[in-house]
Each structure stands twice: as structure tokens, then as C-alpha cells.
C-alpha atoms as a PDB file:
ATOM      1  CA  MET A   1     105.306  77.359 136.978  1.00  0.00           C
ATOM      2  CA  SER A   2     104.865  79.571 133.963  1.00  0.00           C
ATOM      3  CA  GLU A   3     101.534  80.270 132.286  1.00  0.00           C
ATOM      4  CA  LYS A   4     102.451  78.083 129.311  1.00  0.00           C
ATOM      5  CA  THR A   5     103.193  75.075 131.515  1.00  0.00           C
ATOM      6  CA  GLU A   6     100.013  75.579 133.541  1.00  0.00           C
ATOM      7  CA  SER A   7      97.855  75.760 130.393  1.00  0.00           C
ATOM      8  CA  LYS A   8      99.437  72.521 129.063  1.00  0.00           C
ATOM      9  CA  ALA A   9      98.761  70.769 132.366  1.00  0.00           C
ATOM     10  CA  LYS A  10      95.177  72.029 132.319  1.00  0.00           C
ATOM     11  CA  GLY A  11      94.790  70.831 128.717  1.00  0.00           C
ATOM     12  CA  TRP A  12      95.893  67.314 129.636  1.00  0.00           C
ATOM     13  CA  LYS A  13      93.500  67.224 132.570  1.00  0.00           C
ATOM     14  CA  THR A  14      90.652  68.360 130.328  1.00  0.00           C
ATOM     15  CA  LEU A  15      91.573  65.720 127.746  1.00  0.00           C
ATOM     16  CA  GLY A  16      91.614  63.079 130.463  1.00  0.00           C
ATOM     17  CA  VAL A  17      88.143  64.106 131.578  1.00  0.00           C
ATOM     18  CA  TRP A  18      86.784  63.873 128.015  1.00  0.00           C
ATOM     19  CA  VAL A  19      88.437  60.501 127.375  1.00  0.00           C
ATOM     20  CA  THR A  20      87.077  59.144 130.669  1.00  0.00           C
ATOM     21  CA  LEU A  21      83.602  60.487 129.886  1.00  0.00           C
ATOM     22  CA  ALA A  22      83.657  58.935 126.409  1.00  0.00           C
ATOM     23  CA  PHE A  23      84.765  55.580 127.869  1.00  0.00           C
ATOM     24  CA  VAL A  24      82.010  55.637 130.472  1.00  0.00           C
ATOM     25  CA  LEU A  25      79.414  56.470 127.788  1.00  0.00           C
ATOM     26  CA  LEU A  26      80.627  53.597 125.605  1.00  0.00           C
ATOM     27  CA  VAL A  27      80.458  51.105 128.487  1.00  0.00           C
ATOM     28  CA  GLY A  28      76.965  52.354 129.343  1.00  0.00           C
ATOM     29  CA  ALA A  29      75.809  52.009 125.741  1.00  0.00           C
ATOM     30  CA  TRP A  30      77.149  48.443 125.508  1.00  0.00           C
ATOM     31  CA  ALA A  31      75.495  47.527 128.800  1.00  0.00           C
ATOM     32  CA  ALA A  32      72.176  48.946 127.603  1.00  0.00           C
ATOM     33  CA  LEU A  33      72.389  47.104 124.279  1.00  0.00           C
ATOM     34  CA  ILE A  34      73.197  43.801 125.963  1.00  0.00           C
ATOM     35  CA  ALA A  35      70.368  44.241 128.466  1.00  0.00           C
ATOM     36  CA  ILE A  36      67.860  45.045 125.695  1.00  0.00           C
ATOM     37  CA  ALA A  37      69.082  42.127 123.550  1.00  0.00           C
ATOM     38  CA  SER A  38      68.832  39.653 126.425  1.00  0.00           C
ATOM     39  CA  LYS A  39      65.259  40.736 127.222  1.00  0.00           C
ATOM     40  CA  ASN A  40      64.225  40.454 123.563  1.00  0.00           C
ATOM     41  CA  ALA A  41      65.914  37.161 122.734  1.00  0.00           C
ATOM     42  CA  PRO A  42      64.258  35.122 119.978  1.00  0.00           C
ATOM     43  CA  GLU A  43      62.348  31.985 120.858  1.00  0.00           C
ATOM     44  CA  PRO A  44      64.324  28.774 120.419  1.00  0.00           C
ATOM     45  CA  VAL A  45      63.222  26.767 117.407  1.00  0.00           C
ATOM     46  CA  PRO A  46      63.250  22.983 117.902  1.00  0.00           C
ATOM     47  CA  LEU A  47      64.956  21.222 115.047  1.00  0.00           C
ATOM     48  CA  GLU A  48      64.085  17.730 113.899  1.00  0.00           C
ATOM     49  CA  ARG A  49      66.974  15.333 113.609  1.00  0.00           C
ATOM     50  CA  THR A  50      67.016  13.262 110.486  1.00  0.00           C
ATOM     51  CA  THR A  51      69.205  10.270 109.905  1.00  0.00           C
ATOM     52  CA  ASP A  52      70.352   9.492 106.408  1.00  0.00           C
END
């Protein structure tokens, strides 16, 4: 393999690592937001039913 081909292969591997890391961070952020939102859910408000 030539140096040019090796550097392209290394660049793709590096890009794959960054994309994977970004995806993992996004999934972690969503999981944290959902966990926080479920712990801090608003109280249910009972509604009166009226008949017209």
C-alpha cells in the first residue's frame, strides 16, 4: 500500500470513530433528558366533566 492509500484509510477510521462517539453522546443525552423528565413529571390535574 502506498502512503496516500494508508492515510485515506486512516482518515476513514478516524471519521468512523468520531461519528460513533457523536452518536453515543447523542443517545446518552436523550437518555438523560428522558430520565430527568420522567422523574420531574407534573402532577395530574383532575378535570370536572360537565354535561351540556
